[in-house]
C-alpha atoms as a PDB file:
ATOM      1  CA  MET A   1      88.425 126.284  92.979  1.00  0.00           C
ATOM      2  CA  ALA A   2      89.098 128.772  95.811  1.00  0.00           C
ATOM      3  CA  ASN A   3      86.696 126.932  98.089  1.00  0.00           C
ATOM      4  CA  GLU A   4      88.189 123.536  97.236  1.00  0.00           C
ATOM      5  CA  ARG A   5      91.679 124.264  98.525  1.00  0.00           C
ATOM      6  CA  ASP A   6      90.868 123.701 102.177  1.00  0.00           C
ATOM      7  CA  LYS A   7      89.000 120.424 101.733  1.00  0.00           C
ATOM      8  CA  THR A   8      90.596 117.249 103.044  1.00  0.00           C
ATOM      9  CA  PRO A   9      90.486 114.171 100.819  1.00  0.00           C
ATOM     10  CA  ASP A  10      87.244 112.283 100.296  1.00  0.00           C
ATOM     11  CA  LYS A  11      87.411 108.671 101.517  1.00  0.00           C
ATOM     12  CA  THR A  12      86.164 106.721  98.542  1.00  0.00           C
ATOM     13  CA  THR A  13      87.052 103.712  96.457  1.00  0.00           C
ATOM     14  CA  PRO A  14      89.513 104.594  93.665  1.00  0.00           C
ATOM     15  CA  ALA A  15      88.494 104.434  89.978  1.00  0.00           C
ATOM     16  CA  PRO A  16      89.766 102.240  87.001  1.00  0.00           C
ATOM     17  CA  ALA A  17      93.412 102.055  85.950  1.00  0.00           C
ATOM     18  CA  GLY A  18      95.608 102.859  82.942  1.00  0.00           C
ATOM     19  CA  THR A  19      99.301 102.483  82.153  1.00  0.00           C
ATOM     20  CA  ARG A  20     102.133 104.282  80.433  1.00  0.00           C
ATOM     21  CA  HIS A  21     105.908 104.147  80.776  1.00  0.00           C
ATOM     22  CA  GLU A  22     108.785 106.455  79.934  1.00  0.00           C
ATOM     23  CA  PRO A  23     112.471 106.708  80.932  1.00  0.00           C
ATOM     24  CA  ALA A  24     114.116 109.304  83.163  1.00  0.00           C
ATOM     25  CA  ALA A  25     117.626 110.144  84.358  1.00  0.00           C
ATOM     26  CA  PRO A  26     119.377 108.567  87.386  1.00  0.00           C
ATOM     27  CA  SER A  27     118.942 110.151  90.821  1.00  0.00           C
ATOM     28  CA  ALA A  28     121.694 111.988  92.650  1.00  0.00           C
ATOM     29  CA  ARG A  29     123.643 110.045  95.256  1.00  0.00           C
ATOM     30  CA  ALA A  30     123.752 113.071  97.547  1.00  0.00           C
ATOM     31  CA  GLU A  31     119.968 113.260  97.755  1.00  0.00           C
ATOM     32  CA  ILE A  32     119.645 109.611  98.792  1.00  0.00           C
ATOM     33  CA  ASP A  33     122.409 110.100 101.343  1.00  0.00           C
ATOM     34  CA  ALA A  34     120.519 113.066 102.765  1.00  0.00           C
ATOM     35  CA  PHE A  35     117.330 111.030 103.071  1.00  0.00           C
ATOM     36  CA  ILE A  36     118.961 108.222 105.010  1.00  0.00           C
ATOM     37  CA  LYS A  37     120.919 110.625 107.196  1.00  0.00           C
ATOM     38  CA  ARG A  38     117.732 112.429 108.168  1.00  0.00           C
ATOM     39  CA  ALA A  39     115.714 109.245 108.655  1.00  0.00           C
ATOM     40  CA  ARG A  40     118.308 107.906 111.079  1.00  0.00           C
ATOM     41  CA  THR A  41     117.916 110.993 113.300  1.00  0.00           C
ATOM     42  CA  LEU A  42     114.171 110.429 113.733  1.00  0.00           C
ATOM     43  CA  ALA A  43     112.425 107.949 115.989  1.00  0.00           C
ATOM     44  CA  PRO A  44     108.655 107.523 116.140  1.00  0.00           C
ATOM     45  CA  SER A  45     107.273 105.956 119.290  1.00  0.00           C
ATOM     46  CA  THR A  46     105.404 102.831 118.218  1.00  0.00           C
ATOM     47  CA  ASP A  47     104.984 101.419 121.770  1.00  0.00           C
ATOM     48  CA  GLY A  48     104.732  97.910 120.369  1.00  0.00           C
ATOM     49  CA  LYS A  49     101.884  98.883 118.050  1.00  0.00           C
ATOM     50  CA  ARG A  50     101.785  98.614 114.261  1.00  0.00           C
ATOM     51  CA  GLY A  51     103.220 101.671 112.566  1.00  0.00           C
ATOM     52  CA  ARG A  52     100.928 103.859 110.468  1.00  0.00           C
ATOM     53  CA  LEU A  53     102.137 105.556 107.296  1.00  0.00           C
ATOM     54  CA  ILE A  54     100.287 107.804 104.846  1.00  0.00           C
ATOM     55  CA  PHE A  55     101.423 107.070 101.277  1.00  0.00           C
ATOM     56  CA  ALA A  56     100.462 110.057  99.119  1.00  0.00           C
ATOM     57  CA  LEU A  57     100.950 110.393  95.376  1.00  0.00           C
ATOM     58  CA  ASP A  58     100.353 113.017  92.728  1.00  0.00           C
ATOM     59  CA  ALA A  59      97.997 111.300  90.254  1.00  0.00           C
ATOM     60  CA  THR A  60      97.882 114.031  87.625  1.00  0.00           C
ATOM     61  CA  MET A  61      98.618 112.920  84.078  1.00  0.00           C
ATOM     62  CA  SER A  62     102.405 113.332  84.177  1.00  0.00           C
ATOM     63  CA  ARG A  63     102.558 110.883  87.060  1.00  0.00           C
ATOM     64  CA  GLN A  64     101.306 107.718  85.310  1.00  0.00           C
ATOM     65  CA  PRO A  65     104.754 106.116  84.878  1.00  0.00           C
ATOM     66  CA  THR A  66     105.577 106.640  88.552  1.00  0.00           C
ATOM     67  CA  TRP A  67     102.148 105.423  89.608  1.00  0.00           C
ATOM     68  CA  ASP A  68     102.631 102.210  87.652  1.00  0.00           C
ATOM     69  CA  THR A  69     106.047 101.725  89.229  1.00  0.00           C
ATOM     70  CA  ALA A  70     104.754 102.464  92.724  1.00  0.00           C
ATOM     71  CA  CYS A  71     102.026  99.855  92.213  1.00  0.00           C
ATOM     72  CA  LYS A  72     104.731  97.270  91.647  1.00  0.00           C
ATOM     73  CA  LEU A  73     106.931  98.421  94.516  1.00  0.00           C
ATOM     74  CA  GLN A  74     104.431  99.051  97.293  1.00  0.00           C
ATOM     75  CA  GLY A  75     104.301  95.412  98.396  1.00  0.00           C
ATOM     76  CA  GLU A  76     107.978  95.641  99.302  1.00  0.00           C
ATOM     77  CA  MET A  77     107.163  98.243 101.931  1.00  0.00           C
ATOM     78  CA  PHE A  78     104.999  95.760 103.800  1.00  0.00           C
ATOM     79  CA  ARG A  79     107.522  92.963 103.498  1.00  0.00           C
ATOM     80  CA  GLU A  80     110.271  95.136 104.957  1.00  0.00           C
ATOM     81  CA  ALA A  81     108.055  96.337 107.802  1.00  0.00           C
ATOM     82  CA  ALA A  82     106.547  92.928 108.653  1.00  0.00           C
ATOM     83  CA  SER A  83     109.554  91.648 110.584  1.00  0.00           C
ATOM     84  CA  ILE A  84     109.605  94.798 112.716  1.00  0.00           C
ATOM     85  CA  GLY A  85     106.018  94.834 113.873  1.00  0.00           C
ATOM     86  CA  GLY A  86     103.925  95.516 110.839  1.00  0.00           C
ATOM     87  CA  LEU A  87     102.613  98.534 109.015  1.00  0.00           C
ATOM     88  CA  ASP A  88      99.224 100.029 108.218  1.00  0.00           C
ATOM     89  CA  VAL A  89      99.155 102.268 105.155  1.00  0.00           C
ATOM     90  CA  GLN A  90      96.586 104.735 103.903  1.00  0.00           C
ATOM     91  CA  LEU A  91      96.721 105.721 100.243  1.00  0.00           C
ATOM     92  CA  VAL A  92      96.040 109.393  99.452  1.00  0.00           C
ATOM     93  CA  TYR A  93      96.049 110.787  95.927  1.00  0.00           C
ATOM     94  CA  PHE A  94      94.923 113.815  93.973  1.00  0.00           C
ATOM     95  CA  ARG A  95      94.124 114.317  90.303  1.00  0.00           C
ATOM     96  CA  GLY A  96      92.026 116.527  88.028  1.00  0.00           C
ATOM     97  CA  LEU A  97      91.065 120.003  89.171  1.00  0.00           C
ATOM     98  CA  ASN A  98      89.732 119.282  92.659  1.00  0.00           C
ATOM     99  CA  GLU A  99      89.694 115.525  93.324  1.00  0.00           C
ATOM    100  CA  CYS A 100      91.693 114.437  96.369  1.00  0.00           C
ATOM    101  CA  ARG A 101      90.840 111.122  98.010  1.00  0.00           C
ATOM    102  CA  ALA A 102      91.974 108.880 100.825  1.00  0.00           C
ATOM    103  CA  SER A 103      91.568 105.123 101.076  1.00  0.00           C
ATOM    104  CA  ARG A 104      90.829 103.028 104.119  1.00  0.00           C
ATOM    105  CA  TRP A 105      93.813 101.885 106.171  1.00  0.00           C
ATOM    106  CA  VAL A 106      95.236  98.644 104.803  1.00  0.00           C
ATOM    107  CA  SER A 107      97.610  96.216 106.493  1.00  0.00           C
ATOM    108  CA  ASP A 108      98.999  94.213 103.565  1.00  0.00           C
ATOM    109  CA  GLY A 109     100.511  94.789 100.161  1.00  0.00           C
ATOM    110  CA  ALA A 110      97.710  92.988  98.336  1.00  0.00           C
ATOM    111  CA  GLY A 111      95.123  95.344  99.783  1.00  0.00           C
ATOM    112  CA  LEU A 112      97.063  98.458  98.864  1.00  0.00           C
ATOM    113  CA  GLY A 113      97.910  97.054  95.437  1.00  0.00           C
ATOM    114  CA  ASP A 114      94.230  96.430  94.765  1.00  0.00           C
ATOM    115  CA  LEU A 115      93.396 100.029  95.627  1.00  0.00           C
ATOM    116  CA  MET A 116      96.196 101.454  93.502  1.00  0.00           C
ATOM    117  CA  GLY A 117      95.393  99.174  90.580  1.00  0.00           C
ATOM    118  CA  ARG A 118      91.969 100.761  90.189  1.00  0.00           C
ATOM    119  CA  ILE A 119      93.260 104.307  89.796  1.00  0.00           C
ATOM    120  CA  HIS A 120      94.236 106.034  86.569  1.00  0.00           C
ATOM    121  CA  CYS A 121      95.961 109.403  86.349  1.00  0.00           C
ATOM    122  CA  VAL A 122      94.037 112.457  85.130  1.00  0.00           C
ATOM    123  CA  GLY A 123      95.363 115.863  84.077  1.00  0.00           C
ATOM    124  CA  GLY A 124      95.014 118.657  86.598  1.00  0.00           C
ATOM    125  CA  HIS A 125      96.728 120.771  89.236  1.00  0.00           C
ATOM    126  CA  THR A 126      98.634 119.816  92.362  1.00  0.00           C
ATOM    127  CA  GLN A 127      96.723 119.669  95.654  1.00  0.00           C
ATOM    128  CA  ILE A 128      99.535 119.120  98.115  1.00  0.00           C
ATOM    129  CA  ARG A 129      97.992 121.350 100.745  1.00  0.00           C
ATOM    130  CA  LYS A 130      94.975 119.043 100.917  1.00  0.00           C
ATOM    131  CA  VAL A 131      97.313 116.102 101.481  1.00  0.00           C
ATOM    132  CA  LEU A 132      99.061 117.881 104.350  1.00  0.00           C
ATOM    133  CA  ARG A 133      95.788 118.943 105.941  1.00  0.00           C
ATOM    134  CA  HIS A 134      94.455 115.417 105.662  1.00  0.00           C
ATOM    135  CA  ALA A 135      97.602 114.037 107.302  1.00  0.00           C
ATOM    136  CA  ARG A 136      97.069 116.469 110.179  1.00  0.00           C
ATOM    137  CA  ALA A 137      93.473 115.317 110.606  1.00  0.00           C
ATOM    138  CA  GLU A 138      94.487 111.643 110.596  1.00  0.00           C
ATOM    139  CA  SER A 139      97.169 112.342 113.178  1.00  0.00           C
ATOM    140  CA  ASP A 140      94.574 113.927 115.430  1.00  0.00           C
ATOM    141  CA  ARG A 141      92.601 110.655 115.254  1.00  0.00           C
ATOM    142  CA  GLY A 142      95.594 108.444 116.005  1.00  0.00           C
ATOM    143  CA  LYS A 143      99.387 108.478 115.812  1.00  0.00           C
ATOM    144  CA  VAL A 144     100.751 108.529 112.239  1.00  0.00           C
ATOM    145  CA  ALA A 145     104.481 107.805 112.140  1.00  0.00           C
ATOM    146  CA  ALA A 146     105.242 109.430 108.790  1.00  0.00           C
ATOM    147  CA  LEU A 147     103.918 110.905 105.571  1.00  0.00           C
ATOM    148  CA  VAL A 148     105.465 109.794 102.291  1.00  0.00           C
ATOM    149  CA  PHE A 149     104.718 111.983  99.272  1.00  0.00           C
ATOM    150  CA  VAL A 150     105.772 111.232  95.692  1.00  0.00           C
ATOM    151  CA  GLY A 151     105.377 113.935  93.055  1.00  0.00           C
ATOM    152  CA  ASP A 152     107.060 115.996  90.380  1.00  0.00           C
ATOM    153  CA  ALA A 153     105.444 119.445  90.537  1.00  0.00           C
ATOM    154  CA  MET A 154     104.050 122.153  92.825  1.00  0.00           C
ATOM    155  CA  GLU A 155     101.477 124.698  91.657  1.00  0.00           C
ATOM    156  CA  GLU A 156     100.339 126.166  94.983  1.00  0.00           C
ATOM    157  CA  GLY A 157     101.354 128.969  97.326  1.00  0.00           C
ATOM    158  CA  ILE A 158     104.478 127.901  99.181  1.00  0.00           C
ATOM    159  CA  ASP A 159     103.444 129.885 102.270  1.00  0.00           C
ATOM    160  CA  ASP A 160     100.203 127.897 102.455  1.00  0.00           C
ATOM    161  CA  LEU A 161     102.140 124.646 102.222  1.00  0.00           C
ATOM    162  CA  ALA A 162     104.598 125.796 104.870  1.00  0.00           C
ATOM    163  CA  ALA A 163     101.757 126.599 107.256  1.00  0.00           C
ATOM    164  CA  ALA A 164     100.208 123.167 106.712  1.00  0.00           C
ATOM    165  CA  ALA A 165     103.613 121.498 107.158  1.00  0.00           C
ATOM    166  CA  GLY A 166     104.045 123.349 110.438  1.00  0.00           C
ATOM    167  CA  GLU A 167     100.890 121.650 111.706  1.00  0.00           C
ATOM    168  CA  LEU A 168     102.482 118.258 110.992  1.00  0.00           C
ATOM    169  CA  ALA A 169     105.626 119.339 112.795  1.00  0.00           C
ATOM    170  CA  LEU A 170     103.590 120.145 115.911  1.00  0.00           C
ATOM    171  CA  ARG A 171     102.241 116.584 115.785  1.00  0.00           C
ATOM    172  CA  GLY A 172     105.648 114.984 115.352  1.00  0.00           C
ATOM    173  CA  MET A 173     104.952 113.650 111.848  1.00  0.00           C
ATOM    174  CA  PRO A 174     107.940 113.845 109.459  1.00  0.00           C
ATOM    175  CA  ALA A 175     107.211 114.201 105.759  1.00  0.00           C
ATOM    176  CA  PHE A 176     109.441 112.250 103.378  1.00  0.00           C
ATOM    177  CA  MET A 177     109.193 114.163 100.101  1.00  0.00           C
ATOM    178  CA  PHE A 178     110.278 112.045  97.106  1.00  0.00           C
ATOM    179  CA  HIS A 179     110.732 114.246  94.049  1.00  0.00           C
ATOM    180  CA  GLU A 180     110.831 112.900  90.516  1.00  0.00           C
ATOM    181  CA  GLY A 181     112.650 115.089  88.034  1.00  0.00           C
ATOM    182  CA  HIS A 182     114.296 118.489  88.392  1.00  0.00           C
ATOM    183  CA  ASP A 183     111.538 121.105  88.672  1.00  0.00           C
ATOM    184  CA  PRO A 184     113.175 123.844  90.801  1.00  0.00           C
ATOM    185  CA  ILE A 185     109.854 125.179  92.112  1.00  0.00           C
ATOM    186  CA  ALA A 186     108.810 121.735  93.309  1.00  0.00           C
ATOM    187  CA  GLU A 187     112.234 121.156  94.804  1.00  0.00           C
ATOM    188  CA  GLN A 188     112.064 124.380  96.814  1.00  0.00           C
ATOM    189  CA  ALA A 189     108.628 123.531  98.177  1.00  0.00           C
ATOM    190  CA  PHE A 190     109.410 119.871  98.899  1.00  0.00           C
ATOM    191  CA  ARG A 191     112.622 120.769 100.693  1.00  0.00           C
ATOM    192  CA  GLU A 192     110.799 123.312 102.836  1.00  0.00           C
ATOM    193  CA  ILE A 193     108.069 120.837 103.801  1.00  0.00           C
ATOM    194  CA  ALA A 194     110.719 118.277 104.722  1.00  0.00           C
ATOM    195  CA  ARG A 195     112.682 120.844 106.734  1.00  0.00           C
ATOM    196  CA  LEU A 196     109.686 122.105 108.671  1.00  0.00           C
ATOM    197  CA  THR A 197     108.510 118.604 109.589  1.00  0.00           C
ATOM    198  CA  ARG A 198     112.017 117.295 110.338  1.00  0.00           C
ATOM    199  CA  GLY A 199     111.530 114.844 107.515  1.00  0.00           C
ATOM    200  CA  ALA A 200     113.642 114.390 104.402  1.00  0.00           C
ATOM    201  CA  TYR A 201     113.799 115.370 100.742  1.00  0.00           C
ATOM    202  CA  CYS A 202     115.084 113.056  98.039  1.00  0.00           C
ATOM    203  CA  ARG A 203     115.139 113.254  94.246  1.00  0.00           C
ATOM    204  CA  PHE A 204     114.761 110.111  92.135  1.00  0.00           C
ATOM    205  CA  ASP A 205     114.159 109.175  88.500  1.00  0.00           C
ATOM    206  CA  LEU A 206     112.407 106.194  86.987  1.00  0.00           C
ATOM    207  CA  SER A 207     115.370 105.138  84.853  1.00  0.00           C
ATOM    208  CA  ALA A 208     116.554 103.712  88.177  1.00  0.00           C
ATOM    209  CA  ALA A 209     113.199 102.665  89.621  1.00  0.00           C
ATOM    210  CA  HIS A 210     114.904 100.466  92.199  1.00  0.00           C
ATOM    211  CA  GLU A 211     115.979 103.658  93.972  1.00  0.00           C
ATOM    212  CA  LEU A 212     112.348 104.585  94.588  1.00  0.00           C
ATOM    213  CA  GLY A 213     111.812 101.087  95.936  1.00  0.00           C
ATOM    214  CA  GLU A 214     114.753 101.477  98.312  1.00  0.00           C
ATOM    215  CA  LEU A 215     113.442 104.796  99.571  1.00  0.00           C
ATOM    216  CA  LEU A 216     109.928 103.439 100.100  1.00  0.00           C
ATOM    217  CA  ARG A 217     111.254 100.436 102.001  1.00  0.00           C
ATOM    218  CA  ALA A 218     113.390 102.663 104.197  1.00  0.00           C
ATOM    219  CA  ALA A 219     110.401 104.897 104.965  1.00  0.00           C
ATOM    220  CA  ALA A 220     108.285 101.844 105.817  1.00  0.00           C
ATOM    221  CA  VAL A 221     110.945 100.454 108.131  1.00  0.00           C
ATOM    222  CA  TYR A 222     111.181 103.819 109.874  1.00  0.00           C
ATOM    223  CA  ALA A 223     107.387 104.016 110.285  1.00  0.00           C
ATOM    224  CA  ALA A 224     107.232 100.476 111.675  1.00  0.00           C
ATOM    225  CA  GLY A 225     110.193 100.559 114.037  1.00  0.00           C
ATOM    226  CA  GLY A 226     111.995 103.889 114.080  1.00  0.00           C
ATOM    227  CA  VAL A 227     115.700 104.578 113.861  1.00  0.00           C
ATOM    228  CA  LYS A 228     116.880 101.345 115.456  1.00  0.00           C
ATOM    229  CA  ALA A 229     114.921  99.284 112.957  1.00  0.00           C
ATOM    230  CA  LEU A 230     116.214 101.301 110.016  1.00  0.00           C
ATOM    231  CA  THR A 231     119.806 101.011 111.188  1.00  0.00           C
ATOM    232  CA  ALA A 232     119.461  97.280 111.828  1.00  0.00           C
ATOM    233  CA  GLN A 233     117.998  96.438 108.414  1.00  0.00           C
ATOM    234  CA  ARG A 234     119.880  93.696 106.576  1.00  0.00           C
ATOM    235  CA  SER A 235     117.980  93.923 103.275  1.00  0.00           C
ATOM    236  CA  GLU A 236     119.850  94.578 100.052  1.00  0.00           C
ATOM    237  CA  GLY A 237     118.139  97.937  99.630  1.00  0.00           C
ATOM    238  CA  ALA A 238     119.037  99.077 103.140  1.00  0.00           C
ATOM    239  CA  ARG A 239     122.668  97.987 102.647  1.00  0.00           C
ATOM    240  CA  LYS A 240     122.892  99.954  99.416  1.00  0.00           C
ATOM    241  CA  LEU A 241     121.589 103.119 101.018  1.00  0.00           C
ATOM    242  CA  LEU A 242     123.568 102.859 104.234  1.00  0.00           C
ATOM    243  CA  ALA A 243     126.737 102.052 102.289  1.00  0.00           C
ATOM    244  CA  GLN A 244     126.481 105.392 100.503  1.00  0.00           C
ATOM    245  CA  MET A 245     126.782 107.181 103.828  1.00  0.00           C
ATOM    246  CA  ARG A 246     130.208 105.725 104.590  1.00  0.00           C
END
């Protein structure tokens, strides 16, 4: 395992899917407010090009309910971004003891949904550092506007994660860390990654799955068009989030 930590994700086709659902508690208003406040202070330079966003998820066993929900919500990201200039998304996920993979870049919700639909969650440990290192490598190949990560746990050295996050900061890539549940260790790490990259941290729970959808749409709008696009959104989800800031 020691040698696996520094590997970036393999680019392969995801494997077959499974489903499971369970309830959770509502998210805190303050955390959503903080996300939108931070997102509005950031502005990627798209130069008229399609935005690129890395959509990373923890696919260990505890994540199956969120994975299933994300599969249903991901198409909304593309719909929100389409009117702004479009969005290319790369799916990154980890599961098991050392499996961390990245998909091809996709430009529509159907393509991403197909990839996600063939993945099932497997028990294992978190591999967030691999995700951050992969995001750095992708940024070196071409501008990536933002990293979105959805997870509920952190089982790695926080100093290692901070170092990897610092590399994203140097490349101007904010990390939007969406945290399900209330694990204090994960919260500390996710907040630090968000702080170092000038991104944002937000907690959510699946009993109010629409909140995750709102956050994903906001991140997609930011990646596609920056602050102006996020502020100008007229979608119901954007209105809900922006209204909470007043």
